[in-house]
Amino acid sequence: SVALPVLGILSLLLLLKIGLQSLSVIVTLFIFTCFLLLKKD
């Protein structure tokens, strides 16, 4: 039920002017940052 809303916020990446070589690096850093900011409360 949250897949579409989450895809909405991830769509911000579609506006970035990035090359294919940088894409995987940026996505990896994004995932790492999301985990780093994960909180229990």
Full PDB file with SEQRES, HELIX, SHEET, SSBOND, CRYST1, ORIGX, SCALE, CONECT and MASTER records, all heavy atoms in Angstrom:
SEQRES   1 A   41  SER VAL ALA LEU PRO VAL LEU GLY ILE LEU SER LEU LEU          
SEQRES   2 A   41  LEU LEU LEU LYS ILE GLY LEU GLN SER LEU SER VAL ILE          
SEQRES   3 A   41  VAL THR LEU PHE ILE PHE THR CYS PHE LEU LEU LEU LYS          
SEQRES   4 A   41  LYS ASP                                                      
HELIX    1 AA1 ALA A    3  LEU A   10  1                                   8    
HELIX    2 AA2 SER A   11  LEU A   15  5                                   5    
HELIX    3 AA3 LEU A   20  LEU A   36  1                                  17    
CRYST1    1.000    1.000    1.000  90.00  90.00  90.00 P 1           1          
ORIGX1      1.000000  0.000000  0.000000        0.00000                         
ORIGX2      0.000000  1.000000  0.000000        0.00000                         
ORIGX3      0.000000  0.000000  1.000000        0.00000                         
SCALE1      1.000000  0.000000  0.000000        0.00000                         
SCALE2      0.000000  1.000000  0.000000        0.00000                         
SCALE3      0.000000  0.000000  1.000000        0.00000                         
ATOM      1  N   SER A   1       0.819  -1.221   0.000  1.00  0.00           N  
ATOM      2  CA  SER A   1       0.000   0.000   0.000  1.00  0.00           C  
ATOM      3  C   SER A   1       0.849   1.265   0.000  1.00  0.00           C  
ATOM      4  O   SER A   1       0.357   2.339  -0.367  1.00  0.00           O  
ATOM      5  CB  SER A   1      -0.938   0.007   1.218  1.00  0.00           C  
ATOM      6  OG  SER A   1      -0.205   0.159   2.416  1.00  0.00           O  
ATOM      7  N   VAL A   2       2.112   1.155   0.424  1.00  0.00           N  
ATOM      8  CA  VAL A   2       2.977   2.346   0.446  1.00  0.00           C  
ATOM      9  C   VAL A   2       3.931   2.388  -0.741  1.00  0.00           C  
ATOM     10  O   VAL A   2       4.712   3.332  -0.868  1.00  0.00           O  
ATOM     11  CB  VAL A   2       3.790   2.431   1.759  1.00  0.00           C  
ATOM     12  CG1 VAL A   2       2.866   2.535   2.948  1.00  0.00           C  
ATOM     13  CG2 VAL A   2       4.729   1.249   1.903  1.00  0.00           C  
ATOM     14  N   ALA A   3       3.877   1.390  -1.615  1.00  0.00           N  
ATOM     15  CA  ALA A   3       4.820   1.324  -2.738  1.00  0.00           C  
ATOM     16  C   ALA A   3       4.687   2.545  -3.651  1.00  0.00           C  
ATOM     17  O   ALA A   3       5.695   3.164  -4.025  1.00  0.00           O  
ATOM     18  CB  ALA A   3       4.615   0.034  -3.525  1.00  0.00           C  
ATOM     19  N   LEU A   4       3.457   2.904  -4.007  1.00  0.00           N  
ATOM     20  CA  LEU A   4       3.264   4.053  -4.903  1.00  0.00           C  
ATOM     21  C   LEU A   4       3.679   5.375  -4.258  1.00  0.00           C  
ATOM     22  O   LEU A   4       4.388   6.168  -4.886  1.00  0.00           O  
ATOM     23  CB  LEU A   4       1.811   4.118  -5.376  1.00  0.00           C  
ATOM     24  CG  LEU A   4       1.445   3.247  -6.580  1.00  0.00           C  
ATOM     25  CD1 LEU A   4      -0.031   3.399  -6.918  1.00  0.00           C  
ATOM     26  CD2 LEU A   4       2.297   3.594  -7.792  1.00  0.00           C  
ATOM     27  N   PRO A   5       3.251   5.663  -3.014  1.00  0.00           N  
ATOM     28  CA  PRO A   5       3.727   6.897  -2.385  1.00  0.00           C  
ATOM     29  C   PRO A   5       5.245   6.977  -2.285  1.00  0.00           C  
ATOM     30  O   PRO A   5       5.833   8.036  -2.548  1.00  0.00           O  
ATOM     31  CB  PRO A   5       3.077   6.855  -0.993  1.00  0.00           C  
ATOM     32  CG  PRO A   5       1.871   6.024  -1.160  1.00  0.00           C  
ATOM     33  CD  PRO A   5       2.241   4.990  -2.175  1.00  0.00           C  
ATOM     34  N   VAL A   6       5.888   5.865  -1.915  1.00  0.00           N  
ATOM     35  CA  VAL A   6       7.345   5.866  -1.790  1.00  0.00           C  
ATOM     36  C   VAL A   6       8.002   6.093  -3.148  1.00  0.00           C  
ATOM     37  O   VAL A   6       8.992   6.815  -3.265  1.00  0.00           O  
ATOM     38  CB  VAL A   6       7.837   4.550  -1.155  1.00  0.00           C  
ATOM     39  CG1 VAL A   6       9.359   4.435  -1.238  1.00  0.00           C  
ATOM     40  CG2 VAL A   6       7.401   4.483   0.301  1.00  0.00           C  
ATOM     41  N   LEU A   7       7.446   5.488  -4.182  1.00  0.00           N  
ATOM     42  CA  LEU A   7       7.967   5.734  -5.525  1.00  0.00           C  
ATOM     43  C   LEU A   7       7.861   7.208  -5.872  1.00  0.00           C  
ATOM     44  O   LEU A   7       8.719   7.750  -6.580  1.00  0.00           O  
ATOM     45  CB  LEU A   7       7.206   4.891  -6.551  1.00  0.00           C  
ATOM     46  CG  LEU A   7       7.663   5.052  -8.006  1.00  0.00           C  
ATOM     47  CD1 LEU A   7       9.114   4.601  -8.169  1.00  0.00           C  
ATOM     48  CD2 LEU A   7       6.753   4.264  -8.948  1.00  0.00           C  
ATOM     49  N   GLY A   8       6.815   7.860  -5.346  1.00  0.00           N  
ATOM     50  CA  GLY A   8       6.647   9.288  -5.593  1.00  0.00           C  
ATOM     51  C   GLY A   8       7.825  10.097  -5.091  1.00  0.00           C  
ATOM     52  O   GLY A   8       8.379  10.922  -5.825  1.00  0.00           O  
ATOM     53  N   ILE A   9       8.249   9.855  -3.859  1.00  0.00           N  
ATOM     54  CA  ILE A   9       9.378  10.619  -3.313  1.00  0.00           C  
ATOM     55  C   ILE A   9      10.689  10.202  -3.974  1.00  0.00           C  
ATOM     56  O   ILE A   9      11.584  11.021  -4.165  1.00  0.00           O  
ATOM     57  CB  ILE A   9       9.464  10.461  -1.776  1.00  0.00           C  
ATOM     58  CG1 ILE A   9      10.375  11.531  -1.171  1.00  0.00           C  
ATOM     59  CG2 ILE A   9       9.919   9.078  -1.383  1.00  0.00           C  
ATOM     60  CD1 ILE A   9       9.851  12.932  -1.283  1.00  0.00           C  
ATOM     61  N   LEU A  10      10.795   8.930  -4.368  1.00  0.00           N  
ATOM     62  CA  LEU A  10      12.006   8.475  -5.053  1.00  0.00           C  
ATOM     63  C   LEU A  10      12.116   9.084  -6.451  1.00  0.00           C  
ATOM     64  O   LEU A  10      13.215   9.148  -7.014  1.00  0.00           O  
ATOM     65  CB  LEU A  10      12.017   6.948  -5.154  1.00  0.00           C  
ATOM     66  CG  LEU A  10      12.111   6.160  -3.842  1.00  0.00           C  
ATOM     67  CD1 LEU A  10      12.122   4.665  -4.123  1.00  0.00           C  
ATOM     68  CD2 LEU A  10      13.349   6.561  -3.050  1.00  0.00           C  
ATOM     69  N   SER A  11      10.983   9.531  -6.994  1.00  0.00           N  
ATOM     70  CA  SER A  11      10.984  10.120  -8.331  1.00  0.00           C  
ATOM     71  C   SER A  11      11.771  11.421  -8.399  1.00  0.00           C  
ATOM     72  O   SER A  11      12.054  11.920  -9.496  1.00  0.00           O  
ATOM     73  CB  SER A  11       9.544  10.367  -8.801  1.00  0.00           C  
ATOM     74  OG  SER A  11       8.838   9.144  -8.932  1.00  0.00           O  
ATOM     75  N   LEU A  12      12.124  11.970  -7.249  1.00  0.00           N  
ATOM     76  CA  LEU A  12      13.000  13.145  -7.239  1.00  0.00           C  
ATOM     77  C   LEU A  12      14.310  12.842  -7.957  1.00  0.00           C  
ATOM     78  O   LEU A  12      14.926  13.732  -8.549  1.00  0.00           O  
ATOM     79  CB  LEU A  12      13.277  13.583  -5.800  1.00  0.00           C  
ATOM     80  CG  LEU A  12      12.140  14.327  -5.078  1.00  0.00           C  
ATOM     81  CD1 LEU A  12      12.466  14.461  -3.603  1.00  0.00           C  
ATOM     82  CD2 LEU A  12      11.909  15.699  -5.712  1.00  0.00           C  
ATOM     83  N   LEU A  13      14.734  11.585  -7.903  1.00  0.00           N  
ATOM     84  CA  LEU A  13      15.977  11.191  -8.569  1.00  0.00           C  
ATOM     85  C   LEU A  13      15.864  11.322 -10.087  1.00  0.00           C  
ATOM     86  O   LEU A  13      16.876  11.477 -10.772  1.00  0.00           O  
ATOM     87  CB  LEU A  13      16.343   9.753  -8.201  1.00  0.00           C  
ATOM     88  CG  LEU A  13      16.700   9.493  -6.731  1.00  0.00           C  
ATOM     89  CD1 LEU A  13      16.837   7.996  -6.466  1.00  0.00           C  
ATOM     90  CD2 LEU A  13      17.977  10.219  -6.361  1.00  0.00           C  
ATOM     91  N   LEU A  14      14.634  11.272 -10.610  1.00  0.00           N  
ATOM     92  CA  LEU A  14      14.440  11.393 -12.049  1.00  0.00           C  
ATOM     93  C   LEU A  14      14.768  12.792 -12.558  1.00  0.00           C  
ATOM     94  O   LEU A  14      14.997  12.986 -13.749  1.00  0.00           O  
ATOM     95  CB  LEU A  14      12.990  11.044 -12.422  1.00  0.00           C  
ATOM     96  CG  LEU A  14      12.529   9.613 -12.137  1.00  0.00           C  
ATOM     97  CD1 LEU A  14      11.067   9.449 -12.523  1.00  0.00           C  
ATOM     98  CD2 LEU A  14      13.396   8.602 -12.877  1.00  0.00           C  
ATOM     99  N   LEU A  15      14.790  13.759 -11.666  1.00  0.00           N  
ATOM    100  CA  LEU A  15      15.063  15.140 -12.058  1.00  0.00           C  
ATOM    101  C   LEU A  15      16.547  15.465 -12.052  1.00  0.00           C  
ATOM    102  O   LEU A  15      16.957  16.539 -12.513  1.00  0.00           O  
ATOM    103  CB  LEU A  15      14.324  16.109 -11.122  1.00  0.00           C  
ATOM    104  CG  LEU A  15      12.800  15.952 -11.044  1.00  0.00           C  
ATOM    105  CD1 LEU A  15      12.208  17.016 -10.142  1.00  0.00           C  
ATOM    106  CD2 LEU A  15      12.164  15.994 -12.428  1.00  0.00           C  
ATOM    107  N   LEU A  16      17.355  14.534 -11.513  1.00  0.00           N  
ATOM    108  CA  LEU A  16      18.790  14.779 -11.457  1.00  0.00           C  
ATOM    109  C   LEU A  16      19.421  14.570 -12.828  1.00  0.00           C  
ATOM    110  O   LEU A  16      19.070  13.643 -13.548  1.00  0.00           O  
ATOM    111  CB  LEU A  16      19.451  13.839 -10.443  1.00  0.00           C  
ATOM    112  CG  LEU A  16      19.005  13.970  -8.984  1.00  0.00           C  
ATOM    113  CD1 LEU A  16      19.721  12.938  -8.136  1.00  0.00           C  
ATOM    114  CD2 LEU A  16      19.269  15.371  -8.474  1.00  0.00           C  
ATOM    115  N   LYS A  17      20.347  15.432 -13.179  1.00  0.00           N  
ATOM    116  CA  LYS A  17      21.099  15.278 -14.424  1.00  0.00           C  
ATOM    117  C   LYS A  17      22.386  14.530 -14.119  1.00  0.00           C  
ATOM    118  O   LYS A  17      23.429  15.118 -13.844  1.00  0.00           O  
ATOM    119  CB  LYS A  17      21.392  16.649 -15.032  1.00  0.00           C  
ATOM    120  CG  LYS A  17      20.136  17.420 -15.435  1.00  0.00           C  
ATOM    121  CD  LYS A  17      20.490  18.761 -16.053  1.00  0.00           C  
ATOM    122  CE  LYS A  17      19.230  19.508 -16.453  1.00  0.00           C  
ATOM    123  NZ  LYS A  17      19.535  20.828 -17.074  1.00  0.00           N  
ATOM    124  N   ILE A  18      22.277  13.204 -14.128  1.00  0.00           N  
ATOM    125  CA  ILE A  18      23.416  12.363 -13.767  1.00  0.00           C  
ATOM    126  C   ILE A  18      23.676  11.336 -14.862  1.00  0.00           C  
ATOM    127  O   ILE A  18      22.749  10.840 -15.504  1.00  0.00           O  
ATOM    128  CB  ILE A  18      23.175  11.635 -12.429  1.00  0.00           C  
ATOM    129  CG1 ILE A  18      21.816  10.919 -12.437  1.00  0.00           C  
ATOM    130  CG2 ILE A  18      23.245  12.604 -11.265  1.00  0.00           C  
ATOM    131  CD1 ILE A  18      21.516  10.159 -11.171  1.00  0.00           C  
ATOM    132  N   GLY A  19      24.937  11.016 -15.042  1.00  0.00           N  
ATOM    133  CA  GLY A  19      25.317  10.011 -16.023  1.00  0.00           C  
ATOM    134  C   GLY A  19      25.167   8.609 -15.465  1.00  0.00           C  
ATOM    135  O   GLY A  19      25.014   8.418 -14.253  1.00  0.00           O  
ATOM    136  N   LEU A  20      25.222   7.633 -16.342  1.00  0.00           N  
ATOM    137  CA  LEU A  20      25.044   6.241 -15.928  1.00  0.00           C  
ATOM    138  C   LEU A  20      26.135   5.795 -14.960  1.00  0.00           C  
ATOM    139  O   LEU A  20      25.892   4.986 -14.064  1.00  0.00           O  
ATOM    140  CB  LEU A  20      25.029   5.329 -17.163  1.00  0.00           C  
ATOM    141  CG  LEU A  20      23.835   5.504 -18.104  1.00  0.00           C  
ATOM    142  CD1 LEU A  20      23.952   4.565 -19.297  1.00  0.00           C  
ATOM    143  CD2 LEU A  20      22.532   5.252 -17.372  1.00  0.00           C  
ATOM    144  N   GLN A  21      27.358   6.295 -15.138  1.00  0.00           N  
ATOM    145  CA  GLN A  21      28.456   5.888 -14.275  1.00  0.00           C  
ATOM    146  C   GLN A  21      28.263   6.381 -12.846  1.00  0.00           C  
ATOM    147  O   GLN A  21      28.711   5.732 -11.892  1.00  0.00           O  
ATOM    148  CB  GLN A  21      29.786   6.409 -14.838  1.00  0.00           C  
ATOM    149  CG  GLN A  21      30.166   5.782 -16.183  1.00  0.00           C  
ATOM    150  CD  GLN A  21      31.480   6.324 -16.716  1.00  0.00           C  
ATOM    151  OE1 GLN A  21      31.965   7.356 -16.266  1.00  0.00           O  
ATOM    152  NE2 GLN A  21      32.052   5.622 -17.682  1.00  0.00           N  
ATOM    153  N   SER A  22      27.611   7.500 -12.688  1.00  0.00           N  
ATOM    154  CA  SER A  22      27.390   8.062 -11.353  1.00  0.00           C  
ATOM    155  C   SER A  22      26.108   7.545 -10.708  1.00  0.00           C  
ATOM    156  O   SER A  22      25.926   7.666  -9.492  1.00  0.00           O  
ATOM    157  CB  SER A  22      27.319   9.592 -11.425  1.00  0.00           C  
ATOM    158  OG  SER A  22      28.464  10.130 -12.034  1.00  0.00           O  
ATOM    159  N   LEU A  23      25.231   6.960 -11.508  1.00  0.00           N  
ATOM    160  CA  LEU A  23      23.903   6.577 -11.032  1.00  0.00           C  
ATOM    161  C   LEU A  23      23.961   5.566  -9.895  1.00  0.00           C  
ATOM    162  O   LEU A  23      23.337   5.753  -8.844  1.00  0.00           O  
ATOM    163  CB  LEU A  23      23.084   6.024 -12.194  1.00  0.00           C  
ATOM    164  CG  LEU A  23      21.653   5.566 -11.870  1.00  0.00           C  
ATOM    165  CD1 LEU A  23      20.858   6.726 -11.282  1.00  0.00           C  
ATOM    166  CD2 LEU A  23      20.977   5.020 -13.122  1.00  0.00           C  
ATOM    167  N   SER A  24      24.700   4.478 -10.091  1.00  0.00           N  
ATOM    168  CA  SER A  24      24.756   3.425  -9.074  1.00  0.00           C  
ATOM    169  C   SER A  24      25.392   3.926  -7.782  1.00  0.00           C  
ATOM    170  O   SER A  24      24.981   3.537  -6.689  1.00  0.00           O  
ATOM    171  CB  SER A  24      25.528   2.220  -9.601  1.00  0.00           C  
ATOM    172  OG  SER A  24      26.850   2.588  -9.967  1.00  0.00           O  
ATOM    173  N   VAL A  25      26.379   4.813  -7.905  1.00  0.00           N  
ATOM    174  CA  VAL A  25      27.037   5.377  -6.719  1.00  0.00           C  
ATOM    175  C   VAL A  25      26.054   6.224  -5.919  1.00  0.00           C  
ATOM    176  O   VAL A  25      25.963   6.110  -4.684  1.00  0.00           O  
ATOM    177  CB  VAL A  25      28.252   6.228  -7.121  1.00  0.00           C  
ATOM    178  CG1 VAL A  25      28.866   6.895  -5.893  1.00  0.00           C  
ATOM    179  CG2 VAL A  25      29.278   5.378  -7.840  1.00  0.00           C  
ATOM    180  N   ILE A  26      25.302   7.064  -6.609  1.00  0.00           N  
ATOM    181  CA  ILE A  26      24.337   7.928  -5.949  1.00  0.00           C  
ATOM    182  C   ILE A  26      23.242   7.110  -5.274  1.00  0.00           C  
ATOM    183  O   ILE A  26      22.848   7.397  -4.132  1.00  0.00           O  
ATOM    184  CB  ILE A  26      23.727   8.914  -6.963  1.00  0.00           C  
ATOM    185  CG1 ILE A  26      24.794   9.914  -7.418  1.00  0.00           C  
ATOM    186  CG2 ILE A  26      22.537   9.652  -6.369  1.00  0.00           C  
ATOM    187  CD1 ILE A  26      24.325  10.857  -8.494  1.00  0.00           C  
ATOM    188  N   VAL A  27      22.756   6.082  -5.950  1.00  0.00           N  
ATOM    189  CA  VAL A  27      21.705   5.236  -5.383  1.00  0.00           C  
ATOM    190  C   VAL A  27      22.224   4.502  -4.150  1.00  0.00           C  
ATOM    191  O   VAL A  27      21.522   4.395  -3.126  1.00  0.00           O  
ATOM    192  CB  VAL A  27      21.187   4.236  -6.433  1.00  0.00           C  
ATOM    193  CG1 VAL A  27      20.302   3.179  -5.780  1.00  0.00           C  
ATOM    194  CG2 VAL A  27      20.407   4.977  -7.516  1.00  0.00           C  
ATOM    195  N   THR A  28      23.454   3.997  -4.211  1.00  0.00           N  
ATOM    196  CA  THR A  28      24.046   3.314  -3.060  1.00  0.00           C  
ATOM    197  C   THR A  28      24.186   4.257  -1.870  1.00  0.00           C  
ATOM    198  O   THR A  28      23.856   3.891  -0.733  1.00  0.00           O  
ATOM    199  CB  THR A  28      25.428   2.735  -3.422  1.00  0.00           C  
ATOM    200  OG1 THR A  28      25.288   1.816  -4.513  1.00  0.00           O  
ATOM    201  CG2 THR A  28      26.033   2.008  -2.230  1.00  0.00           C  
ATOM    202  N   LEU A  29      24.652   5.461  -2.115  1.00  0.00           N  
ATOM    203  CA  LEU A  29      24.781   6.466  -1.047  1.00  0.00           C  
ATOM    204  C   LEU A  29      23.412   6.832  -0.484  1.00  0.00           C  
ATOM    205  O   LEU A  29      23.269   7.050   0.731  1.00  0.00           O  
ATOM    206  CB  LEU A  29      25.481   7.709  -1.579  1.00  0.00           C  
ATOM    207  CG  LEU A  29      26.975   7.576  -1.891  1.00  0.00           C  
ATOM    208  CD1 LEU A  29      27.501   8.866  -2.526  1.00  0.00           C  
ATOM    209  CD2 LEU A  29      27.763   7.256  -0.626  1.00  0.00           C  
ATOM    210  N   PHE A  30      22.416   6.885  -1.340  1.00  0.00           N  
ATOM    211  CA  PHE A  30      21.059   7.210  -0.904  1.00  0.00           C  
ATOM    212  C   PHE A  30      20.529   6.133   0.047  1.00  0.00           C  
ATOM    213  O   PHE A  30      19.966   6.445   1.103  1.00  0.00           O  
ATOM    214  CB  PHE A  30      20.145   7.356  -2.118  1.00  0.00           C  
ATOM    215  CG  PHE A  30      18.705   7.596  -1.768  1.00  0.00           C  
ATOM    216  CD1 PHE A  30      18.291   8.851  -1.354  1.00  0.00           C  
ATOM    217  CD2 PHE A  30      17.773   6.577  -1.858  1.00  0.00           C  
ATOM    218  CE1 PHE A  30      16.958   9.079  -1.019  1.00  0.00           C  
ATOM    219  CE2 PHE A  30      16.447   6.792  -1.535  1.00  0.00           C  
ATOM    220  CZ  PHE A  30      16.043   8.055  -1.113  1.00  0.00           C  
ATOM    221  N   ILE A  31      20.705   4.869  -0.327  1.00  0.00           N  
ATOM    222  CA  ILE A  31      20.246   3.767   0.525  1.00  0.00           C  
ATOM    223  C   ILE A  31      20.976   3.779   1.864  1.00  0.00           C  
ATOM    224  O   ILE A  31      20.366   3.616   2.932  1.00  0.00           O  
ATOM    225  CB  ILE A  31      20.456   2.411  -0.182  1.00  0.00           C  
ATOM    226  CG1 ILE A  31      19.581   2.336  -1.442  1.00  0.00           C  
ATOM    227  CG2 ILE A  31      20.132   1.249   0.754  1.00  0.00           C  
ATOM    228  CD1 ILE A  31      19.865   1.126  -2.309  1.00  0.00           C  
ATOM    229  N   PHE A  32      22.287   3.987   1.811  1.00  0.00           N  
ATOM    230  CA  PHE A  32      23.099   4.029   3.035  1.00  0.00           C  
ATOM    231  C   PHE A  32      22.628   5.162   3.948  1.00  0.00           C  
ATOM    232  O   PHE A  32      22.505   4.987   5.169  1.00  0.00           O  
ATOM    233  CB  PHE A  32      24.573   4.220   2.677  1.00  0.00           C  
ATOM    234  CG  PHE A  32      25.474   4.338   3.875  1.00  0.00           C  
ATOM    235  CD1 PHE A  32      25.848   3.209   4.597  1.00  0.00           C  
ATOM    236  CD2 PHE A  32      25.950   5.582   4.282  1.00  0.00           C  
ATOM    237  CE1 PHE A  32      26.665   3.328   5.714  1.00  0.00           C  
ATOM    238  CE2 PHE A  32      26.767   5.695   5.389  1.00  0.00           C  
ATOM    239  CZ  PHE A  32      27.130   4.564   6.109  1.00  0.00           C  
ATOM    240  N   THR A  33      22.334   6.333   3.364  1.00  0.00           N  
ATOM    241  CA  THR A  33      21.871   7.475   4.151  1.00  0.00           C  
ATOM    242  C   THR A  33      20.524   7.185   4.796  1.00  0.00           C  
ATOM    243  O   THR A  33      20.285   7.559   5.950  1.00  0.00           O  
ATOM    244  CB  THR A  33      21.764   8.729   3.263  1.00  0.00           C  
ATOM    245  OG1 THR A  33      23.032   8.990   2.654  1.00  0.00           O  
ATOM    246  CG2 THR A  33      21.329   9.929   4.072  1.00  0.00           C  
ATOM    247  N   CYS A  34      19.637   6.523   4.061  1.00  0.00           N  
ATOM    248  CA  CYS A  34      18.325   6.170   4.606  1.00  0.00           C  
ATOM    249  C   CYS A  34      18.464   5.273   5.837  1.00  0.00           C  
ATOM    250  O   CYS A  34      17.762   5.461   6.845  1.00  0.00           O  
ATOM    251  CB  CYS A  34      17.479   5.474   3.540  1.00  0.00           C  
ATOM    252  SG  CYS A  34      16.851   6.578   2.251  1.00  0.00           S  
ATOM    253  N   PHE A  35      19.367   4.298   5.772  1.00  0.00           N  
ATOM    254  CA  PHE A  35      19.594   3.421   6.919  1.00  0.00           C  
ATOM    255  C   PHE A  35      20.254   4.180   8.064  1.00  0.00           C  
ATOM    256  O   PHE A  35      19.953   3.938   9.241  1.00  0.00           O  
ATOM    257  CB  PHE A  35      20.452   2.222   6.517  1.00  0.00           C  
ATOM    258  CG  PHE A  35      19.652   1.056   6.032  1.00  0.00           C  
ATOM    259  CD1 PHE A  35      19.487   0.835   4.671  1.00  0.00           C  
ATOM    260  CD2 PHE A  35      19.065   0.184   6.921  1.00  0.00           C  
ATOM    261  CE1 PHE A  35      18.745  -0.244   4.215  1.00  0.00           C  
ATOM    262  CE2 PHE A  35      18.312  -0.903   6.484  1.00  0.00           C  
ATOM    263  CZ  PHE A  35      18.147  -1.118   5.131  1.00  0.00           C  
ATOM    264  N   LEU A  36      21.142   5.089   7.725  1.00  0.00           N  
ATOM    265  CA  LEU A  36      21.845   5.864   8.745  1.00  0.00           C  
ATOM    266  C   LEU A  36      20.877   6.739   9.534  1.00  0.00           C  
ATOM    267  O   LEU A  36      21.057   6.960  10.742  1.00  0.00           O  
ATOM    268  CB  LEU A  36      22.920   6.729   8.083  1.00  0.00           C  
ATOM    269  CG  LEU A  36      23.967   7.372   8.993  1.00  0.00           C  
ATOM    270  CD1 LEU A  36      24.815   6.301   9.666  1.00  0.00           C  
ATOM    271  CD2 LEU A  36      24.857   8.316   8.187  1.00  0.00           C  
ATOM    272  N   LEU A  37      19.830   7.227   8.872  1.00  0.00           N  
ATOM    273  CA  LEU A  37      18.856   8.117   9.499  1.00  0.00           C  
ATOM    274  C   LEU A  37      17.687   7.373  10.128  1.00  0.00           C  
ATOM    275  O   LEU A  37      16.786   8.001  10.698  1.00  0.00           O  
ATOM    276  CB  LEU A  37      18.317   9.116   8.464  1.00  0.00           C  
ATOM    277  CG  LEU A  37      19.351  10.075   7.855  1.00  0.00           C  
ATOM    278  CD1 LEU A  37      18.696  10.936   6.787  1.00  0.00           C  
ATOM    279  CD2 LEU A  37      19.984  10.941   8.933  1.00  0.00           C  
ATOM    280  N   LEU A  38      17.692   6.042  10.050  1.00  0.00           N  
ATOM    281  CA  LEU A  38      16.603   5.233  10.610  1.00  0.00           C  
ATOM    282  C   LEU A  38      16.602   5.337  12.136  1.00  0.00           C  
ATOM    283  O   LEU A  38      17.628   5.160  12.774  1.00  0.00           O  
ATOM    284  CB  LEU A  38      16.763   3.781  10.177  1.00  0.00           C  
ATOM    285  CG  LEU A  38      15.544   2.866  10.322  1.00  0.00           C  
ATOM    286  CD1 LEU A  38      14.416   3.343   9.416  1.00  0.00           C  
ATOM    287  CD2 LEU A  38      15.920   1.431   9.967  1.00  0.00           C  
ATOM    288  N   LYS A  39      15.431   5.623  12.718  1.00  0.00           N  
ATOM    289  CA  LYS A  39      15.304   5.804  14.163  1.00  0.00           C  
ATOM    290  C   LYS A  39      14.276   4.846  14.740  1.00  0.00           C  
ATOM    291  O   LYS A  39      13.325   4.448  14.070  1.00  0.00           O  
ATOM    292  CB  LYS A  39      14.893   7.243  14.479  1.00  0.00           C  
ATOM    293  CG  LYS A  39      15.876   8.298  14.010  1.00  0.00           C  
ATOM    294  CD  LYS A  39      15.379   9.689  14.346  1.00  0.00           C  
ATOM    295  CE  LYS A  39      16.361  10.764  13.885  1.00  0.00           C  
ATOM    296  NZ  LYS A  39      15.860  12.136  14.184  1.00  0.00           N  
ATOM    297  N   LYS A  40      14.463   4.489  16.026  1.00  0.00           N  
ATOM    298  CA  LYS A  40      13.510   3.600  16.700  1.00  0.00           C  
ATOM    299  C   LYS A  40      12.230   4.338  17.075  1.00  0.00           C  
ATOM    300  O   LYS A  40      11.143   3.770  17.040  1.00  0.00           O  
ATOM    301  CB  LYS A  40      14.152   3.011  17.961  1.00  0.00           C  
ATOM    302  CG  LYS A  40      15.255   2.003  17.673  1.00  0.00           C  
ATOM    303  CD  LYS A  40      15.759   1.367  18.966  1.00  0.00           C  
ATOM    304  CE  LYS A  40      16.830   0.316  18.676  1.00  0.00           C  
ATOM    305  NZ  LYS A  40      17.334  -0.326  19.916  1.00  0.00           N  
ATOM    306  N   ASP A  41      12.354   5.596  17.475  1.00  0.00           N  
ATOM    307  CA  ASP A  41      11.199   6.411  17.867  1.00  0.00           C  
ATOM    308  C   ASP A  41      11.162   7.672  17.010  1.00  0.00           C  
ATOM    309  O   ASP A  41      11.562   8.757  17.439  1.00  0.00           O  
ATOM    310  CB  ASP A  41      11.276   6.783  19.349  1.00  0.00           C  
ATOM    311  CG  ASP A  41      11.284   5.563  20.244  1.00  0.00           C  
ATOM    312  OD1 ASP A  41      10.388   4.724  20.093  1.00  0.00           O  
ATOM    313  OD2 ASP A  41      12.195   5.451  21.086  1.00  0.00           O  
TER     314      ASP A  41                                                      
MASTER        0    0    0    3    0    0    0    6  313    1    0    4          
END                                                                             
